[in-house]
Amino acid sequence: MTPEKLPERRPAKIDIDLLPSEFKPPKTVRLNLILVLVAIVLAVLIAPIVILEMDASSQIDPLEDTLSLRNAELSELYGKQAEATALDAQIDAADNKLNRMEQDYDTFRENLVLWSEIIEEIDDLLPAAITLTSIGAGTGSGVTLVGNTEDLETAYKYTLDLKESDYFSDAVIEYRDCPDTEDKCGFTIDIELSGAGGQ
């Protein structure tokens, strides 16, 4: 006899949902597991960023305080801008005035006549035969001498001595009231100052 092959019998599938809950196997929820993994990954990734942000915040806070202080100072300076502009205008006016004064002083020094030295020079060159009655400012930068002399030649020589002096550039004599007698003859000498007469 040949044995007959019997069909293989498999147990029928059991519908778990029909089982009571105490007989059901525990469910593994994949979604919860994925969410936990994602949360862990995010925590690992975000932790350095949070640490860096805290570090940056600790460095930025003092800088923000300094910036606020500087902004307050800048606002105060802007408030004083009108006052600073007025002060600048006053300083410019004072500078201009000072420059004009310096120019005037330079001009004054260029035209300064050392009268004491000039009078001394006139007196040193004066011969005994001549008497000066006045010394005064002439026209322009000149000096006018008025006097009397007993000798016309001595007066003329005195004029030449004045002309050769370092203090004078030119001297011209003009006689007046010269009688034929031995009385004194009047004269006027006009002298031009040279560069040595002024400092």
N, C-alpha and C. Protein backbone atom coordinates (compact mmCIF):
# COMPACT_ATOMS: atom_id res chain seq x y z
N MET A 1 0.82 -1.17 0.00
CA MET A 1 0.00 0.00 0.00
C MET A 1 0.86 1.22 0.00
N THR A 2 0.36 1.95 -0.75
CA THR A 2 1.07 3.23 -0.83
C THR A 2 0.42 4.19 0.14
N PRO A 3 1.29 4.76 0.88
CA PRO A 3 0.69 5.71 1.80
C PRO A 3 0.24 6.96 1.06
N GLU A 4 -0.84 7.45 1.41
CA GLU A 4 -1.38 8.66 0.78
C GLU A 4 -0.89 9.87 1.56
N LYS A 5 -0.60 10.80 0.76
CA LYS A 5 -0.15 12.03 1.38
C LYS A 5 -1.34 12.82 1.82
N LEU A 6 -1.33 13.12 3.04
CA LEU A 6 -2.43 13.90 3.61
C LEU A 6 -2.05 15.39 3.55
N PRO A 7 -3.02 16.17 3.26
CA PRO A 7 -2.70 17.62 3.24
C PRO A 7 -2.26 18.10 4.61
N GLU A 8 -1.33 18.99 4.53
CA GLU A 8 -0.79 19.54 5.78
C GLU A 8 -1.83 20.43 6.43
N ARG A 9 -1.95 20.26 7.66
CA ARG A 9 -2.94 21.04 8.40
C ARG A 9 -2.24 22.09 9.24
N ARG A 10 -2.67 23.26 8.99
CA ARG A 10 -2.13 24.38 9.77
C ARG A 10 -3.23 24.90 10.65
N PRO A 11 -2.82 25.34 11.82
CA PRO A 11 -3.88 25.86 12.69
C PRO A 11 -4.42 27.16 12.13
N ALA A 12 -5.61 27.37 12.29
CA ALA A 12 -6.25 28.60 11.80
C ALA A 12 -5.69 29.81 12.55
N LYS A 13 -5.63 30.91 11.82
CA LYS A 13 -5.09 32.15 12.42
C LYS A 13 -6.05 32.63 13.50
N ILE A 14 -5.42 33.05 14.54
CA ILE A 14 -6.22 33.53 15.67
C ILE A 14 -6.29 35.05 15.58
N ASP A 15 -7.43 35.56 15.62
CA ASP A 15 -7.63 37.02 15.62
C ASP A 15 -7.40 37.50 17.05
N ILE A 16 -6.27 38.25 17.20
CA ILE A 16 -5.87 38.69 18.54
C ILE A 16 -6.88 39.66 19.11
N ASP A 17 -7.49 40.39 18.20
CA ASP A 17 -8.44 41.39 18.69
C ASP A 17 -9.63 40.74 19.40
N LEU A 18 -9.80 39.45 19.12
CA LEU A 18 -10.92 38.79 19.78
C LEU A 18 -10.56 38.30 21.18
N LEU A 19 -9.25 38.28 21.45
CA LEU A 19 -8.81 37.82 22.76
C LEU A 19 -9.08 38.88 23.81
N PRO A 20 -9.27 38.46 25.01
CA PRO A 20 -9.40 39.45 26.08
C PRO A 20 -8.07 40.18 26.27
N SER A 21 -8.10 41.35 26.82
CA SER A 21 -6.92 42.21 26.93
C SER A 21 -5.81 41.57 27.76
N GLU A 22 -6.13 40.78 28.75
CA GLU A 22 -5.06 40.19 29.55
C GLU A 22 -4.26 39.14 28.79
N PHE A 23 -4.87 38.60 27.66
CA PHE A 23 -4.16 37.59 26.88
C PHE A 23 -3.46 38.21 25.66
N LYS A 24 -3.68 39.47 25.44
CA LYS A 24 -3.06 40.12 24.28
C LYS A 24 -1.60 40.43 24.60
N PRO A 25 -0.72 40.27 23.63
CA PRO A 25 0.69 40.64 23.86
C PRO A 25 0.82 42.17 23.93
N PRO A 26 1.80 42.67 24.66
CA PRO A 26 1.96 44.14 24.77
C PRO A 26 2.31 44.74 23.41
N LYS A 27 1.70 45.88 23.12
CA LYS A 27 1.94 46.55 21.84
C LYS A 27 3.18 47.45 21.97
N THR A 28 4.02 47.37 20.99
CA THR A 28 5.15 48.29 20.91
C THR A 28 4.77 49.39 19.94
N VAL A 29 4.67 50.54 20.48
CA VAL A 29 4.25 51.67 19.64
C VAL A 29 5.51 52.27 19.01
N ARG A 30 5.59 52.12 17.72
CA ARG A 30 6.77 52.61 17.01
C ARG A 30 6.81 54.15 16.97
N LEU A 31 5.65 54.72 16.90
CA LEU A 31 5.60 56.17 16.81
C LEU A 31 6.19 56.81 18.07
N ASN A 32 5.84 56.24 19.23
CA ASN A 32 6.40 56.78 20.48
C ASN A 32 7.92 56.63 20.51
N LEU A 33 8.41 55.53 20.03
CA LEU A 33 9.84 55.28 19.99
C LEU A 33 10.54 56.27 19.07
N ILE A 34 9.93 56.52 17.93
CA ILE A 34 10.52 57.48 16.97
C ILE A 34 10.54 58.88 17.58
N LEU A 35 9.45 59.26 18.24
CA LEU A 35 9.39 60.58 18.85
C LEU A 35 10.45 60.75 19.93
N VAL A 36 10.65 59.71 20.72
CA VAL A 36 11.67 59.76 21.77
C VAL A 36 13.05 59.92 21.15
N LEU A 37 13.32 59.15 20.07
CA LEU A 37 14.62 59.25 19.40
C LEU A 37 14.84 60.66 18.82
N VAL A 38 13.78 61.19 18.19
CA VAL A 38 13.87 62.53 17.60
C VAL A 38 14.13 63.57 18.70
N ALA A 39 13.43 63.40 19.84
CA ALA A 39 13.62 64.34 20.95
C ALA A 39 15.05 64.29 21.46
N ILE A 40 15.61 63.06 21.56
CA ILE A 40 16.99 62.91 22.03
C ILE A 40 17.96 63.57 21.05
N VAL A 41 17.74 63.32 19.74
CA VAL A 41 18.63 63.90 18.71
C VAL A 41 18.55 65.42 18.75
N LEU A 42 17.32 65.94 18.87
CA LEU A 42 17.16 67.40 18.92
C LEU A 42 17.82 67.97 20.17
N ALA A 43 17.67 67.27 21.29
CA ALA A 43 18.30 67.75 22.53
C ALA A 43 19.81 67.79 22.38
N VAL A 44 20.38 66.75 21.72
CA VAL A 44 21.83 66.71 21.51
C VAL A 44 22.27 67.83 20.58
N LEU A 45 21.45 68.09 19.54
CA LEU A 45 21.82 69.15 18.59
C LEU A 45 21.60 70.55 19.15
N ILE A 46 20.56 70.73 19.93
CA ILE A 46 20.21 72.06 20.41
C ILE A 46 21.05 72.47 21.63
N ALA A 47 21.51 71.48 22.41
CA ALA A 47 22.26 71.80 23.62
C ALA A 47 23.47 72.69 23.34
N PRO A 48 24.33 72.39 22.33
CA PRO A 48 25.48 73.28 22.07
C PRO A 48 25.03 74.69 21.66
N ILE A 49 23.93 74.76 20.89
CA ILE A 49 23.44 76.07 20.46
C ILE A 49 22.99 76.89 21.67
N VAL A 50 22.28 76.22 22.60
CA VAL A 50 21.83 76.92 23.79
C VAL A 50 23.02 77.38 24.62
N ILE A 51 24.03 76.51 24.73
CA ILE A 51 25.23 76.87 25.50
C ILE A 51 25.94 78.06 24.86
N LEU A 52 26.07 78.02 23.51
CA LEU A 52 26.71 79.13 22.79
C LEU A 52 25.91 80.42 22.95
N GLU A 53 24.58 80.28 22.90
CA GLU A 53 23.73 81.47 23.04
C GLU A 53 23.88 82.08 24.43
N MET A 54 23.95 81.22 25.44
CA MET A 54 24.13 81.72 26.80
C MET A 54 25.47 82.42 26.94
N ASP A 55 26.53 81.83 26.33
CA ASP A 55 27.86 82.43 26.38
C ASP A 55 27.87 83.77 25.65
N ALA A 56 27.26 83.77 24.45
CA ALA A 56 27.19 85.01 23.68
C ALA A 56 26.38 86.06 24.41
N SER A 57 25.31 85.62 25.04
CA SER A 57 24.47 86.57 25.78
C SER A 57 25.25 87.19 26.94
N SER A 58 26.07 86.37 27.61
CA SER A 58 26.85 86.89 28.73
C SER A 58 27.90 87.88 28.24
N GLN A 59 28.37 87.75 26.99
CA GLN A 59 29.34 88.70 26.44
C GLN A 59 28.65 89.92 25.84
N ILE A 60 27.45 89.73 25.30
CA ILE A 60 26.74 90.83 24.63
C ILE A 60 26.14 91.79 25.64
N ASP A 61 25.69 91.28 26.78
CA ASP A 61 25.02 92.14 27.77
C ASP A 61 25.90 93.32 28.19
N PRO A 62 27.18 93.11 28.54
CA PRO A 62 28.01 94.29 28.88
C PRO A 62 28.19 95.24 27.70
N LEU A 63 28.30 94.66 26.49
CA LEU A 63 28.46 95.51 25.32
C LEU A 63 27.21 96.35 25.08
N GLU A 64 26.06 95.76 25.31
CA GLU A 64 24.81 96.52 25.15
C GLU A 64 24.72 97.64 26.19
N ASP A 65 25.19 97.35 27.41
CA ASP A 65 25.21 98.39 28.43
C ASP A 65 26.13 99.54 28.02
N THR A 66 27.32 99.16 27.51
CA THR A 66 28.27 100.19 27.05
C THR A 66 27.68 100.99 25.91
N LEU A 67 27.01 100.28 24.97
CA LEU A 67 26.40 100.96 23.84
C LEU A 67 25.32 101.93 24.30
N SER A 68 24.51 101.51 25.27
CA SER A 68 23.48 102.40 25.79
C SER A 68 24.11 103.64 26.43
N LEU A 69 25.22 103.43 27.16
CA LEU A 69 25.90 104.57 27.79
C LEU A 69 26.45 105.52 26.74
N ARG A 70 27.07 104.94 25.69
CA ARG A 70 27.62 105.79 24.61
C ARG A 70 26.51 106.53 23.88
N ASN A 71 25.39 105.88 23.66
CA ASN A 71 24.26 106.55 23.00
C ASN A 71 23.74 107.70 23.84
N ALA A 72 23.72 107.50 25.16
CA ALA A 72 23.29 108.59 26.05
C ALA A 72 24.27 109.76 25.98
N GLU A 73 25.57 109.44 25.97
CA GLU A 73 26.58 110.51 25.86
C GLU A 73 26.47 111.22 24.52
N LEU A 74 26.22 110.44 23.45
CA LEU A 74 26.08 111.03 22.13
C LEU A 74 24.87 111.95 22.06
N SER A 75 23.77 111.52 22.66
CA SER A 75 22.57 112.36 22.70
C SER A 75 22.86 113.66 23.45
N GLU A 76 23.63 113.54 24.54
CA GLU A 76 23.97 114.74 25.31
C GLU A 76 24.84 115.67 24.47
N LEU A 77 25.78 115.08 23.70
CA LEU A 77 26.63 115.90 22.84
C LEU A 77 25.82 116.56 21.73
N TYR A 78 24.87 115.82 21.16
CA TYR A 78 24.01 116.42 20.13
C TYR A 78 23.22 117.58 20.72
N GLY A 79 22.84 117.46 21.98
CA GLY A 79 22.11 118.54 22.64
C GLY A 79 22.98 119.79 22.80
N LYS A 80 24.30 119.59 22.88
CA LYS A 80 25.21 120.72 23.04
C LYS A 80 25.78 121.21 21.71
N GLN A 81 25.25 120.69 20.60
CA GLN A 81 25.80 121.06 19.30
C GLN A 81 25.64 122.55 19.01
N ALA A 82 24.49 123.10 19.35
CA ALA A 82 24.26 124.54 19.10
C ALA A 82 25.25 125.37 19.91
N GLU A 83 25.47 124.96 21.17
CA GLU A 83 26.44 125.67 22.01
C GLU A 83 27.84 125.56 21.43
N ALA A 84 28.20 124.34 20.94
CA ALA A 84 29.52 124.14 20.36
C ALA A 84 29.68 124.98 19.08
N THR A 85 28.62 125.08 18.28
CA THR A 85 28.68 125.88 17.06
C THR A 85 28.91 127.35 17.41
N ALA A 86 28.21 127.83 18.44
CA ALA A 86 28.40 129.22 18.86
C ALA A 86 29.83 129.45 19.37
N LEU A 87 30.35 128.46 20.12
CA LEU A 87 31.72 128.59 20.61
C LEU A 87 32.72 128.57 19.45
N ASP A 88 32.47 127.72 18.45
CA ASP A 88 33.34 127.69 17.27
C ASP A 88 33.35 129.04 16.57
N ALA A 89 32.18 129.65 16.45
CA ALA A 89 32.09 130.97 15.81
C ALA A 89 32.88 132.00 16.61
N GLN A 90 32.77 131.94 17.96
CA GLN A 90 33.52 132.87 18.79
C GLN A 90 35.03 132.64 18.66
N ILE A 91 35.43 131.36 18.61
CA ILE A 91 36.85 131.04 18.46
C ILE A 91 37.37 131.54 17.12
N ASP A 92 36.58 131.34 16.04
CA ASP A 92 37.00 131.83 14.72
C ASP A 92 37.14 133.34 14.72
N ALA A 93 36.18 134.03 15.35
CA ALA A 93 36.25 135.50 15.41
C ALA A 93 37.49 135.94 16.20
N ALA A 94 37.76 135.24 17.32
CA ALA A 94 38.94 135.58 18.13
C ALA A 94 40.23 135.30 17.36
N ASP A 95 40.26 134.19 16.60
CA ASP A 95 41.44 133.87 15.78
C ASP A 95 41.67 134.95 14.72
N ASN A 96 40.58 135.37 14.07
CA ASN A 96 40.71 136.42 13.05
C ASN A 96 41.22 137.72 13.68
N LYS A 97 40.68 138.05 14.85
CA LYS A 97 41.12 139.27 15.54
C LYS A 97 42.59 139.17 15.93
N LEU A 98 42.99 137.98 16.42
CA LEU A 98 44.38 137.78 16.81
C LEU A 98 45.30 137.90 15.60
N ASN A 99 44.88 137.32 14.47
CA ASN A 99 45.70 137.41 13.25
C ASN A 99 45.86 138.87 12.82
N ARG A 100 44.75 139.64 12.89
CA ARG A 100 44.83 141.06 12.52
C ARG A 100 45.75 141.81 13.48
N MET A 101 45.65 141.48 14.78
CA MET A 101 46.51 142.14 15.76
C MET A 101 47.98 141.81 15.51
N GLU A 102 48.26 140.53 15.17
CA GLU A 102 49.64 140.15 14.89
C GLU A 102 50.17 140.88 13.66
N GLN A 103 49.30 141.00 12.63
CA GLN A 103 49.73 141.74 11.44
C GLN A 103 49.98 143.21 11.77
N ASP A 104 49.06 143.79 12.57
CA ASP A 104 49.25 145.19 12.97
C ASP A 104 50.52 145.36 13.80
N TYR A 105 50.80 144.38 14.67
CA TYR A 105 52.01 144.47 15.50
C TYR A 105 53.26 144.36 14.63
N ASP A 106 53.22 143.45 13.63
CA ASP A 106 54.36 143.33 12.73
C ASP A 106 54.58 144.63 11.97
N THR A 107 53.47 145.22 11.49
CA THR A 107 53.58 146.50 10.79
C THR A 107 54.12 147.58 11.72
N PHE A 108 53.63 147.59 12.96
CA PHE A 108 54.10 148.56 13.94
C PHE A 108 55.60 148.42 14.19
N ARG A 109 56.05 147.15 14.34
CA ARG A 109 57.48 146.93 14.59
C ARG A 109 58.32 147.34 13.39
N GLU A 110 57.78 147.11 12.18
CA GLU A 110 58.52 147.52 10.98
C GLU A 110 58.66 149.04 10.92
N ASN A 111 57.62 149.73 11.38
CA ASN A 111 57.63 151.19 11.30
C ASN A 111 58.06 151.85 12.61
N LEU A 112 58.48 151.02 13.58
CA LEU A 112 58.85 151.57 14.88
C LEU A 112 60.12 152.39 14.76
N VAL A 113 60.06 153.57 15.28
CA VAL A 113 61.22 154.46 15.27
C VAL A 113 61.75 154.54 16.70
N LEU A 114 63.01 154.26 16.85
CA LEU A 114 63.63 154.35 18.16
C LEU A 114 64.12 155.79 18.34
N TRP A 115 63.19 156.62 18.82
CA TRP A 115 63.47 158.05 18.89
C TRP A 115 64.63 158.35 19.83
N SER A 116 64.77 157.58 20.89
CA SER A 116 65.87 157.87 21.82
C SER A 116 67.22 157.72 21.12
N GLU A 117 67.35 156.70 20.28
CA GLU A 117 68.61 156.50 19.56
C GLU A 117 68.82 157.58 18.50
N ILE A 118 67.70 157.99 17.86
CA ILE A 118 67.80 159.02 16.82
C ILE A 118 68.22 160.35 17.44
N ILE A 119 67.58 160.71 18.56
CA ILE A 119 67.94 161.97 19.23
C ILE A 119 69.39 161.93 19.70
N GLU A 120 69.79 160.76 20.20
CA GLU A 120 71.18 160.62 20.66
C GLU A 120 72.16 160.78 19.50
N GLU A 121 71.82 160.21 18.35
CA GLU A 121 72.68 160.33 17.17
C GLU A 121 72.76 161.80 16.71
N ILE A 122 71.60 162.48 16.70
CA ILE A 122 71.59 163.90 16.31
C ILE A 122 72.45 164.72 17.27
N ASP A 123 72.35 164.43 18.54
CA ASP A 123 73.11 165.17 19.55
C ASP A 123 74.60 164.86 19.47
N ASP A 124 74.97 163.58 19.20
CA ASP A 124 76.38 163.21 19.12
C ASP A 124 77.08 163.92 17.95
N LEU A 125 76.36 164.10 16.84
CA LEU A 125 76.96 164.72 15.66
C LEU A 125 76.91 166.25 15.71
N LEU A 126 76.19 166.81 16.66
CA LEU A 126 75.97 168.26 16.71
C LEU A 126 77.26 169.01 17.10
N PRO A 127 77.73 169.93 16.21
CA PRO A 127 78.91 170.73 16.56
C PRO A 127 78.57 171.81 17.59
N ALA A 128 79.59 172.35 18.21
CA ALA A 128 79.39 173.35 19.26
C ALA A 128 78.89 174.67 18.69
N ALA A 129 79.16 174.91 17.43
CA ALA A 129 78.78 176.20 16.83
C ALA A 129 77.31 176.24 16.43
N ILE A 130 76.60 175.14 16.60
CA ILE A 130 75.19 175.06 16.19
C ILE A 130 74.33 174.90 17.42
N THR A 131 73.22 175.62 17.42
CA THR A 131 72.24 175.50 18.49
C THR A 131 70.91 175.06 17.87
N LEU A 132 70.40 173.91 18.33
CA LEU A 132 69.10 173.43 17.84
C LEU A 132 68.00 173.99 18.73
N THR A 133 66.96 174.52 18.07
CA THR A 133 65.84 175.06 18.85
C THR A 133 64.66 174.08 18.89
N SER A 134 64.59 173.17 17.91
CA SER A 134 63.50 172.17 17.94
C SER A 134 63.86 170.97 17.09
N ILE A 135 63.36 169.84 17.53
CA ILE A 135 63.47 168.59 16.77
C ILE A 135 62.06 168.03 16.68
N GLY A 136 61.59 167.83 15.49
CA GLY A 136 60.22 167.33 15.34
C GLY A 136 60.09 166.38 14.17
N ALA A 137 58.91 165.75 14.11
CA ALA A 137 58.63 164.82 13.01
C ALA A 137 58.42 165.63 11.74
N GLY A 138 59.06 165.20 10.68
CA GLY A 138 58.89 165.85 9.39
C GLY A 138 57.81 165.17 8.58
N THR A 139 57.83 165.38 7.30
CA THR A 139 56.86 164.73 6.42
C THR A 139 57.27 163.29 6.19
N GLY A 140 56.28 162.41 6.15
CA GLY A 140 56.56 160.99 5.92
C GLY A 140 57.33 160.41 7.09
N SER A 141 58.49 159.80 6.78
CA SER A 141 59.31 159.19 7.83
C SER A 141 60.53 160.07 8.13
N GLY A 142 60.32 161.35 8.08
CA GLY A 142 61.45 162.26 8.26
C GLY A 142 61.46 162.94 9.61
N VAL A 143 62.56 163.63 9.87
CA VAL A 143 62.76 164.43 11.08
C VAL A 143 63.19 165.82 10.62
N THR A 144 62.65 166.82 11.27
CA THR A 144 63.01 168.20 10.93
C THR A 144 63.74 168.83 12.11
N LEU A 145 64.93 169.36 11.81
CA LEU A 145 65.74 170.06 12.81
C LEU A 145 65.67 171.56 12.51
N VAL A 146 65.41 172.35 13.52
CA VAL A 146 65.40 173.80 13.39
C VAL A 146 66.43 174.36 14.37
N GLY A 147 67.32 175.24 13.85
CA GLY A 147 68.35 175.79 14.74
C GLY A 147 69.00 177.04 14.18
N ASN A 148 70.07 177.44 14.86
CA ASN A 148 70.85 178.62 14.48
C ASN A 148 72.31 178.25 14.45
N THR A 149 73.06 178.94 13.58
CA THR A 149 74.48 178.69 13.49
C THR A 149 75.22 179.99 13.26
N GLU A 150 76.45 180.05 13.74
CA GLU A 150 77.30 181.20 13.50
C GLU A 150 78.12 181.00 12.24
N ASP A 151 78.20 179.72 11.78
CA ASP A 151 79.06 179.41 10.63
C ASP A 151 78.27 178.54 9.66
N LEU A 152 78.01 179.06 8.46
CA LEU A 152 77.23 178.31 7.47
C LEU A 152 77.96 177.03 7.04
N GLU A 153 79.28 177.12 6.99
CA GLU A 153 80.03 175.92 6.57
C GLU A 153 79.89 174.81 7.61
N THR A 154 79.87 175.16 8.90
CA THR A 154 79.69 174.16 9.96
C THR A 154 78.31 173.54 9.86
N ALA A 155 77.30 174.33 9.57
CA ALA A 155 75.95 173.80 9.41
C ALA A 155 75.88 172.85 8.22
N TYR A 156 76.55 173.22 7.13
CA TYR A 156 76.55 172.36 5.94
C TYR A 156 77.27 171.04 6.23
N LYS A 157 78.42 171.13 6.94
CA LYS A 157 79.16 169.91 7.29
C LYS A 157 78.32 169.03 8.22
N TYR A 158 77.57 169.65 9.13
CA TYR A 158 76.67 168.90 10.03
C TYR A 158 75.61 168.16 9.21
N THR A 159 75.14 168.81 8.17
CA THR A 159 74.15 168.16 7.29
C THR A 159 74.76 166.94 6.61
N LEU A 160 75.99 167.07 6.15
CA LEU A 160 76.67 165.92 5.50
C LEU A 160 76.91 164.79 6.50
N ASP A 161 77.29 165.14 7.74
CA ASP A 161 77.51 164.10 8.77
C ASP A 161 76.20 163.35 9.05
N LEU A 162 75.10 164.09 9.12
CA LEU A 162 73.80 163.43 9.33
C LEU A 162 73.47 162.50 8.17
N LYS A 163 73.75 162.94 6.96
CA LYS A 163 73.43 162.14 5.77
C LYS A 163 74.24 160.84 5.75
N GLU A 164 75.48 160.88 6.26
CA GLU A 164 76.34 159.69 6.26
C GLU A 164 76.05 158.76 7.44
N SER A 165 75.21 159.17 8.36
CA SER A 165 74.88 158.34 9.52
C SER A 165 74.06 157.12 9.09
N ASP A 166 74.22 156.05 9.86
CA ASP A 166 73.43 154.84 9.58
C ASP A 166 71.94 155.05 9.84
N TYR A 167 71.61 156.05 10.61
CA TYR A 167 70.20 156.27 10.97
C TYR A 167 69.43 157.06 9.91
N PHE A 168 70.18 157.76 9.03
CA PHE A 168 69.51 158.64 8.09
C PHE A 168 69.97 158.33 6.66
N SER A 169 69.05 158.50 5.73
CA SER A 169 69.37 158.23 4.32
C SER A 169 69.62 159.51 3.54
N ASP A 170 69.07 160.61 4.01
CA ASP A 170 69.25 161.88 3.29
C ASP A 170 69.07 163.04 4.27
N ALA A 171 69.74 164.15 3.98
CA ALA A 171 69.61 165.36 4.81
C ALA A 171 69.78 166.57 3.89
N VAL A 172 68.84 167.49 3.98
CA VAL A 172 68.85 168.70 3.14
C VAL A 172 68.70 169.91 4.06
N ILE A 173 69.62 170.88 3.90
CA ILE A 173 69.58 172.07 4.74
C ILE A 173 69.00 173.25 3.95
N GLU A 174 68.28 174.08 4.66
CA GLU A 174 67.72 175.30 4.07
C GLU A 174 67.97 176.43 5.05
N TYR A 175 68.68 177.49 4.56
CA TYR A 175 69.02 178.61 5.43
C TYR A 175 67.88 179.62 5.41
N ARG A 176 67.76 180.35 6.53
CA ARG A 176 66.75 181.39 6.61
C ARG A 176 67.26 182.48 7.57
N ASP A 177 66.79 183.62 7.37
CA ASP A 177 67.15 184.74 8.25
C ASP A 177 68.66 184.84 8.46
N CYS A 178 69.37 184.92 7.38
CA CYS A 178 70.83 185.03 7.49
C CYS A 178 71.25 186.49 7.22
N PRO A 179 71.49 187.26 8.28
CA PRO A 179 71.92 188.65 8.08
C PRO A 179 73.38 188.72 7.63
N ASP A 180 73.76 189.85 7.11
CA ASP A 180 75.15 190.03 6.66
C ASP A 180 76.10 190.22 7.82
N THR A 181 75.53 190.47 8.98
CA THR A 181 76.38 190.71 10.15
C THR A 181 76.81 189.37 10.73
N GLU A 182 77.45 189.42 11.85
CA GLU A 182 77.94 188.19 12.49
C GLU A 182 76.88 187.52 13.35
N ASP A 183 75.65 188.01 13.27
CA ASP A 183 74.58 187.37 14.03
C ASP A 183 74.35 185.96 13.52
N LYS A 184 73.73 185.18 14.36
CA LYS A 184 73.48 183.78 13.99
C LYS A 184 72.50 183.70 12.84
N CYS A 185 72.72 182.68 12.00
CA CYS A 185 71.85 182.44 10.84
C CYS A 185 70.95 181.26 11.15
N GLY A 186 69.66 181.41 10.86
CA GLY A 186 68.74 180.30 11.10
C GLY A 186 68.76 179.28 9.97
N PHE A 187 68.42 178.02 10.29
CA PHE A 187 68.39 176.98 9.26
C PHE A 187 67.34 175.92 9.63
N THR A 188 66.97 175.18 8.63
CA THR A 188 66.10 174.01 8.82
C THR A 188 66.73 172.85 8.07
N ILE A 189 66.87 171.71 8.74
CA ILE A 189 67.42 170.51 8.10
C ILE A 189 66.32 169.44 8.10
N ASP A 190 65.99 168.98 6.91
CA ASP A 190 65.03 167.87 6.77
C ASP A 190 65.81 166.58 6.57
N ILE A 191 65.56 165.61 7.47
CA ILE A 191 66.31 164.34 7.45
C ILE A 191 65.33 163.21 7.16
N GLU A 192 65.74 162.29 6.30
CA GLU A 192 64.96 161.07 6.03
C GLU A 192 65.59 159.92 6.83
N LEU A 193 64.74 159.17 7.53
CA LEU A 193 65.23 158.03 8.32
C LEU A 193 65.57 156.87 7.40
N SER A 194 66.62 156.15 7.76
CA SER A 194 66.97 154.93 7.02
C SER A 194 66.45 153.73 7.77
N GLY A 195 66.77 152.55 7.29
CA GLY A 195 66.32 151.32 7.94
C GLY A 195 66.87 151.16 9.34
N ALA A 196 68.00 151.75 9.63
CA ALA A 196 68.58 151.63 10.96
C ALA A 196 67.81 152.44 11.98
N GLY A 197 66.97 153.37 11.52
CA GLY A 197 66.19 154.17 12.45
C GLY A 197 64.96 153.48 12.95
N GLY A 198 64.59 152.40 12.34
CA GLY A 198 63.41 151.65 12.78
C GLY A 198 63.75 150.22 13.05
N GLN A 199 63.02 149.54 13.94
CA GLN A 199 63.29 148.14 14.27
C GLN A 199 62.13 147.28 13.85
